[in-house]
């Protein structure tokens, strides 16, 4: 959904901010994603933030997928 408005997001979606407070923005395999730390070395992808439609087709980077960013850093 795309919503064009001058009204701040916090007013339109008041509970949305509470949910996203625990999310971390990062670039994973060249794709901008929002993740939640699962503990230890893993993160769970909450959403993809990209304008490239091909990023949404990548089966390894989908909401709910568990990723190990430390493993990516070592390669």
N, C-alpha and C. Protein backbone atom coordinates (compact mmCIF):
# COMPACT_ATOMS: atom_id res chain seq x y z
N UNK A 1 0.85 -1.17 0.00
CA UNK A 1 0.00 0.00 0.00
C UNK A 1 0.89 1.23 0.00
N UNK A 2 0.56 2.18 -0.83
CA UNK A 2 1.27 3.45 -0.86
C UNK A 2 0.31 4.53 -0.41
N UNK A 3 0.76 5.34 0.54
CA UNK A 3 -0.08 6.40 1.09
C UNK A 3 0.70 7.70 1.00
N UNK A 4 0.19 8.63 0.23
CA UNK A 4 0.82 9.94 0.08
C UNK A 4 0.05 10.93 0.93
N UNK A 5 0.71 11.49 1.93
CA UNK A 5 0.04 12.43 2.83
C UNK A 5 1.09 13.30 3.53
N UNK A 6 0.64 14.45 4.01
CA UNK A 6 1.53 15.31 4.79
C UNK A 6 1.39 15.02 6.29
N UNK A 7 0.43 14.18 6.64
CA UNK A 7 0.20 13.82 8.05
C UNK A 7 1.30 12.85 8.49
N UNK A 8 1.92 13.09 9.64
CA UNK A 8 2.98 12.20 10.11
C UNK A 8 2.50 10.75 10.28
N UNK A 9 3.38 9.83 9.99
CA UNK A 9 3.06 8.40 10.07
C UNK A 9 2.59 8.01 11.47
N UNK A 10 3.15 8.62 12.51
CA UNK A 10 2.80 8.27 13.89
C UNK A 10 1.33 8.57 14.19
N UNK A 11 0.76 9.55 13.51
CA UNK A 11 -0.65 9.89 13.73
C UNK A 11 -1.56 8.92 12.99
N UNK A 12 -1.19 8.55 11.78
CA UNK A 12 -2.01 7.63 10.98
C UNK A 12 -1.95 6.21 11.52
N UNK A 13 -0.75 5.77 11.89
CA UNK A 13 -0.54 4.41 12.39
C UNK A 13 0.09 4.48 13.79
N UNK A 14 -0.70 4.80 14.83
CA UNK A 14 -0.11 5.01 16.16
C UNK A 14 0.54 3.76 16.76
N UNK A 15 0.04 2.58 16.47
CA UNK A 15 0.60 1.36 17.07
C UNK A 15 1.73 0.79 16.23
N UNK A 16 1.86 1.27 15.02
CA UNK A 16 2.92 0.78 14.13
C UNK A 16 4.30 1.13 14.70
N UNK A 17 4.43 2.30 15.30
CA UNK A 17 5.72 2.73 15.84
C UNK A 17 6.18 1.82 16.98
N UNK A 18 5.24 1.36 17.80
CA UNK A 18 5.60 0.46 18.90
C UNK A 18 6.16 -0.85 18.37
N UNK A 19 5.58 -1.37 17.30
CA UNK A 19 6.03 -2.64 16.73
C UNK A 19 7.42 -2.50 16.10
N UNK A 20 7.68 -1.38 15.47
CA UNK A 20 8.96 -1.21 14.78
C UNK A 20 10.08 -0.74 15.70
N UNK A 21 9.78 -0.49 16.97
CA UNK A 21 10.81 -0.01 17.89
C UNK A 21 11.93 -1.03 18.08
N UNK A 22 11.63 -2.33 17.96
CA UNK A 22 12.64 -3.37 18.15
C UNK A 22 13.35 -3.77 16.86
N UNK A 23 13.00 -3.14 15.76
CA UNK A 23 13.58 -3.52 14.48
C UNK A 23 14.87 -2.76 14.20
N UNK A 24 15.76 -3.42 13.49
CA UNK A 24 17.05 -2.85 13.11
C UNK A 24 17.12 -2.82 11.59
N UNK A 25 17.56 -1.69 11.04
CA UNK A 25 17.75 -1.60 9.60
C UNK A 25 19.15 -2.08 9.25
N UNK A 26 19.26 -2.87 8.18
CA UNK A 26 20.58 -3.32 7.74
C UNK A 26 20.54 -3.66 6.26
N UNK A 27 21.71 -3.76 5.67
CA UNK A 27 21.86 -4.23 4.30
C UNK A 27 22.34 -5.67 4.39
N UNK A 28 21.57 -6.60 3.83
CA UNK A 28 21.92 -8.01 3.85
C UNK A 28 21.96 -8.51 2.41
N UNK A 29 23.11 -8.99 1.99
CA UNK A 29 23.31 -9.43 0.60
C UNK A 29 22.90 -8.36 -0.40
N UNK A 30 23.18 -7.10 -0.07
CA UNK A 30 22.88 -6.00 -0.97
C UNK A 30 21.44 -5.52 -0.94
N UNK A 31 20.63 -6.06 -0.03
CA UNK A 31 19.21 -5.70 0.05
C UNK A 31 18.95 -5.03 1.40
N UNK A 32 18.27 -3.89 1.37
CA UNK A 32 17.92 -3.18 2.59
C UNK A 32 16.75 -3.91 3.25
N UNK A 33 16.95 -4.38 4.49
CA UNK A 33 15.92 -5.12 5.22
C UNK A 33 15.78 -4.58 6.64
N UNK A 34 14.64 -4.85 7.24
CA UNK A 34 14.39 -4.56 8.65
C UNK A 34 14.37 -5.91 9.35
N UNK A 35 15.18 -6.04 10.40
CA UNK A 35 15.30 -7.32 11.09
C UNK A 35 15.06 -7.16 12.58
N UNK A 36 14.74 -8.28 13.22
CA UNK A 36 14.59 -8.33 14.67
C UNK A 36 15.61 -9.32 15.20
N UNK A 37 16.34 -8.94 16.22
CA UNK A 37 17.37 -9.81 16.78
C UNK A 37 16.71 -10.96 17.52
N UNK A 38 17.05 -12.18 17.13
CA UNK A 38 16.49 -13.38 17.77
C UNK A 38 17.32 -13.84 18.96
N UNK A 39 18.45 -13.22 19.16
CA UNK A 39 19.36 -13.66 20.20
C UNK A 39 20.53 -14.39 19.58
N UNK A 40 21.64 -14.35 20.26
CA UNK A 40 22.82 -15.01 19.70
C UNK A 40 23.28 -14.33 18.43
N UNK A 41 23.48 -15.14 17.40
CA UNK A 41 24.00 -14.62 16.14
C UNK A 41 22.95 -14.52 15.04
N UNK A 42 21.71 -14.74 15.35
CA UNK A 42 20.69 -14.77 14.30
C UNK A 42 19.72 -13.60 14.39
N UNK A 43 19.19 -13.25 13.23
CA UNK A 43 18.18 -12.21 13.10
C UNK A 43 17.04 -12.77 12.26
N UNK A 44 15.83 -12.28 12.49
CA UNK A 44 14.67 -12.67 11.70
C UNK A 44 14.27 -11.48 10.84
N UNK A 45 14.14 -11.71 9.54
CA UNK A 45 13.74 -10.63 8.63
C UNK A 45 12.27 -10.30 8.86
N UNK A 46 12.00 -9.03 9.13
CA UNK A 46 10.62 -8.57 9.33
C UNK A 46 10.04 -8.03 8.04
N UNK A 47 10.86 -7.28 7.29
CA UNK A 47 10.39 -6.73 6.03
C UNK A 47 11.55 -6.36 5.12
N UNK A 48 11.25 -6.31 3.85
CA UNK A 48 12.20 -5.88 2.83
C UNK A 48 11.86 -4.44 2.50
N UNK A 49 12.88 -3.58 2.45
CA UNK A 49 12.68 -2.18 2.12
C UNK A 49 13.48 -1.91 0.85
N UNK A 50 12.84 -2.09 -0.29
CA UNK A 50 13.55 -1.97 -1.56
C UNK A 50 12.59 -1.52 -2.65
N UNK A 51 13.14 -0.83 -3.64
CA UNK A 51 12.34 -0.45 -4.80
C UNK A 51 12.56 -1.41 -5.96
N UNK A 52 13.46 -2.37 -5.78
CA UNK A 52 13.76 -3.35 -6.83
C UNK A 52 12.84 -4.56 -6.68
N UNK A 53 11.96 -4.82 -7.64
CA UNK A 53 11.05 -5.97 -7.53
C UNK A 53 11.77 -7.31 -7.41
N UNK A 54 12.96 -7.43 -7.96
CA UNK A 54 13.70 -8.69 -7.89
C UNK A 54 14.11 -9.03 -6.46
N UNK A 55 14.28 -8.02 -5.61
CA UNK A 55 14.63 -8.28 -4.21
C UNK A 55 13.52 -9.05 -3.50
N UNK A 56 12.28 -8.81 -3.88
CA UNK A 56 11.14 -9.49 -3.26
C UNK A 56 10.99 -10.92 -3.76
N UNK A 57 11.64 -11.25 -4.86
CA UNK A 57 11.57 -12.60 -5.43
C UNK A 57 12.67 -13.52 -4.89
N UNK A 58 13.63 -12.98 -4.18
CA UNK A 58 14.73 -13.76 -3.63
C UNK A 58 14.20 -14.64 -2.49
N UNK A 59 14.23 -15.95 -2.68
CA UNK A 59 13.67 -16.87 -1.68
C UNK A 59 14.48 -16.92 -0.39
N UNK A 60 15.72 -16.45 -0.41
CA UNK A 60 16.56 -16.47 0.78
C UNK A 60 16.36 -15.22 1.65
N UNK A 61 15.73 -14.22 1.08
CA UNK A 61 15.50 -12.97 1.83
C UNK A 61 14.00 -12.69 1.80
N UNK A 62 13.26 -13.35 2.67
CA UNK A 62 11.82 -13.18 2.77
C UNK A 62 11.45 -12.91 4.23
N UNK A 63 10.38 -12.16 4.49
CA UNK A 63 9.94 -11.96 5.87
C UNK A 63 9.75 -13.29 6.58
N UNK A 64 10.31 -13.38 7.78
CA UNK A 64 10.25 -14.61 8.56
C UNK A 64 11.50 -15.45 8.45
N UNK A 65 12.32 -15.20 7.44
CA UNK A 65 13.55 -15.97 7.26
C UNK A 65 14.55 -15.61 8.36
N UNK A 66 15.25 -16.61 8.85
CA UNK A 66 16.27 -16.40 9.88
C UNK A 66 17.62 -16.31 9.18
N UNK A 67 18.36 -15.25 9.47
CA UNK A 67 19.66 -15.05 8.84
C UNK A 67 20.74 -14.92 9.89
N UNK A 68 21.94 -15.27 9.51
CA UNK A 68 23.11 -15.14 10.37
C UNK A 68 24.02 -14.11 9.73
N UNK A 69 23.97 -12.88 10.23
CA UNK A 69 24.76 -11.82 9.61
C UNK A 69 26.24 -11.98 9.90
N UNK A 70 26.60 -12.64 10.97
CA UNK A 70 28.01 -12.83 11.30
C UNK A 70 28.65 -13.80 10.33
N UNK A 71 27.89 -14.78 9.86
CA UNK A 71 28.38 -15.73 8.87
C UNK A 71 28.68 -15.00 7.55
N UNK A 72 27.81 -14.05 7.19
CA UNK A 72 28.01 -13.28 5.96
C UNK A 72 29.27 -12.42 6.07
N UNK A 73 29.55 -11.88 7.25
CA UNK A 73 30.71 -11.02 7.45
C UNK A 73 32.01 -11.79 7.31
N UNK A 74 32.01 -13.07 7.60
CA UNK A 74 33.23 -13.87 7.54
C UNK A 74 33.56 -14.35 6.14
N UNK A 75 32.66 -14.18 5.17
CA UNK A 75 32.91 -14.63 3.80
C UNK A 75 33.42 -13.53 2.94
